N, C-alpha and C. Protein backbone atom coordinates (compact mmCIF):
# COMPACT_ATOMS: atom_id res chain seq x y z
N MET A 1 -178.51 33.36 -45.77
CA MET A 1 -179.51 32.86 -44.86
C MET A 1 -180.73 32.41 -45.69
N GLU A 2 -181.30 31.28 -45.33
CA GLU A 2 -182.44 30.80 -46.11
C GLU A 2 -183.71 31.57 -45.76
N ILE A 3 -184.62 31.63 -46.71
CA ILE A 3 -185.79 32.48 -46.61
C ILE A 3 -186.70 32.11 -45.43
N LYS A 4 -186.80 30.82 -45.11
CA LYS A 4 -187.63 30.42 -43.97
C LYS A 4 -187.07 31.00 -42.68
N ALA A 5 -185.75 30.97 -42.54
CA ALA A 5 -185.11 31.50 -41.33
C ALA A 5 -185.31 33.01 -41.25
N ILE A 6 -185.24 33.69 -42.38
CA ILE A 6 -185.47 35.13 -42.40
C ILE A 6 -186.91 35.43 -41.98
N LEU A 7 -187.87 34.72 -42.59
CA LEU A 7 -189.28 34.90 -42.25
C LEU A 7 -189.52 34.63 -40.76
N SER A 8 -189.00 33.51 -40.26
CA SER A 8 -189.20 33.15 -38.85
C SER A 8 -188.67 34.22 -37.91
N GLY A 9 -187.43 34.63 -38.17
CA GLY A 9 -186.80 35.62 -37.31
C GLY A 9 -187.51 36.96 -37.36
N ASN A 10 -187.91 37.37 -38.56
CA ASN A 10 -188.60 38.66 -38.69
C ASN A 10 -189.99 38.61 -38.05
N LEU A 11 -190.70 37.51 -38.20
CA LEU A 11 -192.00 37.40 -37.57
C LEU A 11 -191.85 37.53 -36.05
N ARG A 12 -190.91 36.80 -35.49
CA ARG A 12 -190.68 36.85 -34.05
C ARG A 12 -190.31 38.28 -33.61
N LYS A 13 -189.38 38.91 -34.37
CA LYS A 13 -188.92 40.26 -34.05
C LYS A 13 -190.07 41.26 -34.07
N TYR A 14 -190.85 41.29 -35.15
CA TYR A 14 -191.94 42.26 -35.27
C TYR A 14 -193.08 41.96 -34.30
N ARG A 15 -193.32 40.67 -34.01
CA ARG A 15 -194.36 40.32 -33.03
C ARG A 15 -193.97 40.85 -31.65
N LYS A 16 -192.70 40.65 -31.29
CA LYS A 16 -192.24 41.13 -29.98
C LYS A 16 -192.22 42.65 -29.93
N GLU A 17 -191.82 43.30 -31.03
CA GLU A 17 -191.84 44.76 -31.07
C GLU A 17 -193.27 45.30 -30.89
N ALA A 18 -194.24 44.55 -31.40
CA ALA A 18 -195.65 44.94 -31.27
C ALA A 18 -196.20 44.54 -29.90
N ARG A 19 -195.36 43.87 -29.10
CA ARG A 19 -195.75 43.40 -27.76
C ARG A 19 -196.96 42.49 -27.80
N LEU A 20 -196.91 41.58 -28.78
CA LEU A 20 -197.97 40.59 -28.91
C LEU A 20 -197.42 39.21 -28.58
N THR A 21 -198.20 38.42 -27.89
CA THR A 21 -197.85 37.02 -27.68
C THR A 21 -198.23 36.25 -28.94
N GLN A 22 -197.75 35.03 -29.06
CA GLN A 22 -198.17 34.19 -30.18
C GLN A 22 -199.68 33.98 -30.13
N GLU A 23 -200.20 33.85 -28.93
CA GLU A 23 -201.63 33.63 -28.76
C GLU A 23 -202.44 34.83 -29.27
N LYS A 24 -202.01 36.04 -28.90
CA LYS A 24 -202.74 37.24 -29.30
C LYS A 24 -202.64 37.45 -30.82
N LEU A 25 -201.44 37.26 -31.39
CA LEU A 25 -201.28 37.39 -32.83
C LEU A 25 -202.16 36.37 -33.55
N ALA A 26 -202.18 35.16 -33.05
CA ALA A 26 -203.02 34.11 -33.65
C ALA A 26 -204.49 34.50 -33.60
N GLU A 27 -204.92 35.05 -32.48
CA GLU A 27 -206.31 35.47 -32.33
C GLU A 27 -206.65 36.56 -33.36
N ILE A 28 -205.77 37.55 -33.51
CA ILE A 28 -206.00 38.63 -34.47
C ILE A 28 -206.06 38.08 -35.90
N CYS A 29 -205.20 37.09 -36.19
CA CYS A 29 -205.13 36.52 -37.54
C CYS A 29 -206.16 35.42 -37.78
N GLY A 30 -206.87 35.03 -36.74
CA GLY A 30 -207.89 33.99 -36.91
C GLY A 30 -207.33 32.59 -37.07
N THR A 31 -206.29 32.29 -36.30
CA THR A 31 -205.69 30.96 -36.38
C THR A 31 -205.32 30.50 -34.98
N ASP A 32 -204.70 29.36 -34.88
CA ASP A 32 -204.26 28.80 -33.62
C ASP A 32 -202.84 29.26 -33.30
N HIS A 33 -202.55 29.46 -32.02
CA HIS A 33 -201.22 29.93 -31.62
C HIS A 33 -200.12 28.95 -32.02
N ARG A 34 -200.46 27.67 -32.14
CA ARG A 34 -199.44 26.69 -32.54
C ARG A 34 -198.96 26.94 -33.97
N TYR A 35 -199.87 27.43 -34.82
CA TYR A 35 -199.48 27.73 -36.21
C TYR A 35 -198.48 28.88 -36.24
N ILE A 36 -198.71 29.91 -35.43
CA ILE A 36 -197.76 31.02 -35.35
C ILE A 36 -196.41 30.49 -34.85
N GLY A 37 -196.44 29.63 -33.86
CA GLY A 37 -195.21 29.03 -33.35
C GLY A 37 -194.48 28.22 -34.41
N GLN A 38 -195.23 27.50 -35.22
CA GLN A 38 -194.62 26.70 -36.28
C GLN A 38 -193.99 27.59 -37.35
N ILE A 39 -194.61 28.72 -37.65
CA ILE A 39 -194.02 29.66 -38.60
C ILE A 39 -192.73 30.23 -38.01
N GLU A 40 -192.78 30.59 -36.72
CA GLU A 40 -191.61 31.17 -36.07
C GLU A 40 -190.45 30.18 -35.94
N THR A 41 -190.73 28.90 -35.92
CA THR A 41 -189.65 27.92 -35.86
C THR A 41 -189.26 27.40 -37.24
N GLY A 42 -189.97 27.85 -38.26
CA GLY A 42 -189.64 27.45 -39.62
C GLY A 42 -190.15 26.09 -40.02
N THR A 43 -191.06 25.51 -39.24
CA THR A 43 -191.59 24.19 -39.60
C THR A 43 -192.80 24.28 -40.52
N ARG A 44 -193.40 25.47 -40.63
CA ARG A 44 -194.52 25.70 -41.54
C ARG A 44 -194.26 26.95 -42.35
N CYS A 45 -194.81 26.98 -43.55
CA CYS A 45 -194.66 28.12 -44.45
C CYS A 45 -196.06 28.65 -44.77
N PRO A 46 -196.37 29.88 -44.35
CA PRO A 46 -197.71 30.41 -44.56
C PRO A 46 -197.98 30.80 -46.01
N SER A 47 -199.25 30.89 -46.34
CA SER A 47 -199.65 31.36 -47.67
C SER A 47 -199.44 32.86 -47.77
N LEU A 48 -199.50 33.37 -48.98
CA LEU A 48 -199.40 34.82 -49.18
C LEU A 48 -200.55 35.54 -48.48
N GLU A 49 -201.71 34.96 -48.54
CA GLU A 49 -202.87 35.57 -47.88
C GLU A 49 -202.62 35.68 -46.38
N PHE A 50 -202.01 34.64 -45.81
CA PHE A 50 -201.75 34.67 -44.37
C PHE A 50 -200.61 35.64 -44.04
N ILE A 51 -199.63 35.75 -44.93
CA ILE A 51 -198.57 36.75 -44.74
C ILE A 51 -199.19 38.14 -44.66
N GLU A 52 -200.17 38.40 -45.52
CA GLU A 52 -200.85 39.70 -45.49
C GLU A 52 -201.59 39.91 -44.17
N LYS A 53 -202.22 38.86 -43.64
CA LYS A 53 -202.90 38.96 -42.35
C LYS A 53 -201.91 39.27 -41.23
N ILE A 54 -200.78 38.57 -41.25
CA ILE A 54 -199.76 38.79 -40.23
C ILE A 54 -199.24 40.22 -40.30
N ALA A 55 -198.90 40.65 -41.50
CA ALA A 55 -198.36 42.01 -41.68
C ALA A 55 -199.37 43.05 -41.22
N SER A 56 -200.62 42.85 -41.56
CA SER A 56 -201.66 43.79 -41.14
C SER A 56 -201.78 43.82 -39.62
N ALA A 57 -201.76 42.65 -38.99
CA ALA A 57 -201.85 42.57 -37.53
C ALA A 57 -200.66 43.25 -36.85
N LEU A 58 -199.49 43.17 -37.50
CA LEU A 58 -198.28 43.77 -36.94
C LEU A 58 -198.09 45.22 -37.39
N ASN A 59 -198.99 45.67 -38.28
CA ASN A 59 -198.94 47.03 -38.81
C ASN A 59 -197.62 47.32 -39.54
N ILE A 60 -197.22 46.36 -40.38
CA ILE A 60 -196.00 46.50 -41.19
C ILE A 60 -196.32 46.14 -42.63
N LYS A 61 -195.42 46.47 -43.54
CA LYS A 61 -195.55 46.07 -44.94
C LYS A 61 -195.14 44.60 -45.04
N PRO A 62 -195.84 43.79 -45.85
CA PRO A 62 -195.52 42.36 -45.95
C PRO A 62 -194.07 42.06 -46.32
N TYR A 63 -193.45 42.88 -47.19
CA TYR A 63 -192.09 42.57 -47.61
C TYR A 63 -191.10 42.59 -46.45
N LEU A 64 -191.43 43.31 -45.38
CA LEU A 64 -190.51 43.38 -44.24
C LEU A 64 -190.32 42.02 -43.57
N LEU A 65 -191.29 41.14 -43.73
CA LEU A 65 -191.15 39.81 -43.16
C LEU A 65 -190.10 38.98 -43.90
N PHE A 66 -189.73 39.42 -45.10
CA PHE A 66 -188.73 38.71 -45.90
C PHE A 66 -187.41 39.46 -46.01
N TYR A 67 -187.33 40.61 -45.39
CA TYR A 67 -186.14 41.45 -45.52
C TYR A 67 -185.02 40.92 -44.63
N ASP A 68 -183.87 40.66 -45.22
CA ASP A 68 -182.71 40.18 -44.49
C ASP A 68 -181.89 41.38 -44.03
N GLY A 69 -182.01 41.72 -42.78
CA GLY A 69 -181.30 42.87 -42.22
C GLY A 69 -179.82 42.64 -42.06
N ASN A 70 -179.34 41.43 -42.28
CA ASN A 70 -177.91 41.12 -42.14
C ASN A 70 -177.19 41.42 -43.44
N ASN A 71 -177.15 42.71 -43.80
CA ASN A 71 -176.54 43.07 -45.07
C ASN A 71 -175.31 43.96 -44.88
N ASN A 72 -174.64 43.79 -43.74
CA ASN A 72 -173.38 44.49 -43.46
C ASN A 72 -173.48 46.01 -43.57
N GLY A 73 -174.56 46.57 -43.07
CA GLY A 73 -174.67 48.02 -42.99
C GLY A 73 -175.18 48.71 -44.23
N THR A 74 -175.44 47.99 -45.32
CA THR A 74 -175.97 48.64 -46.51
C THR A 74 -177.43 48.28 -46.66
N ASP A 75 -178.22 49.22 -47.06
CA ASP A 75 -179.64 48.98 -47.26
C ASP A 75 -179.91 48.93 -48.75
N GLU A 76 -179.83 47.73 -49.31
CA GLU A 76 -179.97 47.56 -50.75
C GLU A 76 -181.35 47.99 -51.25
N ILE A 77 -182.39 47.76 -50.47
CA ILE A 77 -183.73 48.13 -50.90
C ILE A 77 -183.85 49.65 -51.00
N ALA A 78 -183.21 50.38 -50.09
CA ALA A 78 -183.29 51.84 -50.11
C ALA A 78 -182.66 52.43 -51.37
N THR A 79 -181.75 51.70 -52.00
CA THR A 79 -181.10 52.22 -53.20
C THR A 79 -181.93 52.01 -54.46
N LEU A 80 -183.02 51.26 -54.36
CA LEU A 80 -183.87 51.01 -55.53
C LEU A 80 -184.82 52.18 -55.75
N ASN A 81 -185.14 52.43 -57.01
CA ASN A 81 -186.15 53.46 -57.29
C ASN A 81 -187.55 52.85 -57.13
N PHE A 82 -188.56 53.67 -57.21
CA PHE A 82 -189.94 53.22 -56.98
C PHE A 82 -190.32 52.07 -57.90
N GLU A 83 -190.02 52.20 -59.19
CA GLU A 83 -190.39 51.16 -60.15
C GLU A 83 -189.67 49.84 -59.82
N GLN A 84 -188.41 49.91 -59.45
CA GLN A 84 -187.67 48.70 -59.09
C GLN A 84 -188.26 48.04 -57.84
N LYS A 85 -188.68 48.85 -56.88
CA LYS A 85 -189.30 48.31 -55.67
C LYS A 85 -190.62 47.61 -56.01
N GLN A 86 -191.40 48.22 -56.89
CA GLN A 86 -192.66 47.62 -57.31
C GLN A 86 -192.41 46.28 -58.01
N GLN A 87 -191.40 46.24 -58.88
CA GLN A 87 -191.07 45.00 -59.59
C GLN A 87 -190.60 43.93 -58.60
N LEU A 88 -189.81 44.32 -57.62
CA LEU A 88 -189.33 43.38 -56.62
C LEU A 88 -190.50 42.80 -55.82
N LYS A 89 -191.43 43.65 -55.40
CA LYS A 89 -192.60 43.17 -54.64
C LYS A 89 -193.43 42.23 -55.49
N THR A 90 -193.66 42.59 -56.75
CA THR A 90 -194.46 41.74 -57.64
C THR A 90 -193.77 40.39 -57.84
N MET A 91 -192.48 40.42 -58.08
CA MET A 91 -191.73 39.18 -58.28
C MET A 91 -191.78 38.31 -57.02
N LEU A 92 -191.61 38.92 -55.86
CA LEU A 92 -191.64 38.17 -54.61
C LEU A 92 -193.00 37.52 -54.41
N PHE A 93 -194.07 38.29 -54.55
CA PHE A 93 -195.40 37.75 -54.34
C PHE A 93 -195.78 36.72 -55.39
N ASP A 94 -195.40 36.95 -56.64
CA ASP A 94 -195.72 36.00 -57.71
C ASP A 94 -195.02 34.66 -57.52
N ASN A 95 -193.87 34.68 -56.88
CA ASN A 95 -193.06 33.46 -56.75
C ASN A 95 -193.05 32.88 -55.35
N PHE A 96 -193.79 33.45 -54.42
CA PHE A 96 -193.74 33.01 -53.03
C PHE A 96 -194.09 31.53 -52.88
N SER A 97 -195.18 31.10 -53.49
CA SER A 97 -195.59 29.70 -53.37
C SER A 97 -194.54 28.77 -53.94
N LYS A 98 -193.95 29.15 -55.08
CA LYS A 98 -192.91 28.33 -55.70
C LYS A 98 -191.69 28.24 -54.77
N ILE A 99 -191.34 29.37 -54.14
CA ILE A 99 -190.20 29.39 -53.22
C ILE A 99 -190.46 28.47 -52.03
N CYS A 100 -191.65 28.56 -51.45
CA CYS A 100 -192.00 27.71 -50.31
C CYS A 100 -191.98 26.25 -50.69
N ASN A 101 -192.54 25.93 -51.84
CA ASN A 101 -192.54 24.54 -52.30
C ASN A 101 -191.12 24.02 -52.52
N ALA A 102 -190.26 24.88 -53.07
CA ALA A 102 -188.87 24.45 -53.29
C ALA A 102 -188.16 24.22 -51.96
N ILE A 103 -188.41 25.09 -51.00
CA ILE A 103 -187.80 24.93 -49.68
C ILE A 103 -188.29 23.66 -49.02
N ASP A 104 -189.60 23.37 -49.18
CA ASP A 104 -190.19 22.18 -48.57
C ASP A 104 -189.91 20.91 -49.38
N GLY A 105 -189.27 21.04 -50.55
CA GLY A 105 -188.94 19.88 -51.36
C GLY A 105 -190.10 19.37 -52.19
N ARG A 106 -191.11 20.24 -52.39
CA ARG A 106 -192.26 19.85 -53.23
C ARG A 106 -192.12 20.52 -54.58
N ASN A 107 -192.64 19.90 -55.60
CA ASN A 107 -192.59 20.48 -56.95
C ASN A 107 -193.90 21.03 -57.37
């Protein structure tokens, strides 16, 4: 599954679990509800700073927005030790903009 689809699906899932509308989440994050909708449909890719705002508003860790739960019953992240998890988070955050640009076809 591509990363935009994972992000979109997870944002929608966690927003609904928090019982927030797109409008309310947008208000908490200081943006327009259309932007939240565009992220949820995969037409826009938010910045890392905005990912942090979303995660904070949803009261979740930012990496959960990128976690692919379709892993056939195994939790690969749970098998990592603390140092490996820290390295994974650093790598993800350091490369997020590059990943978004590659997905969007920008260099």
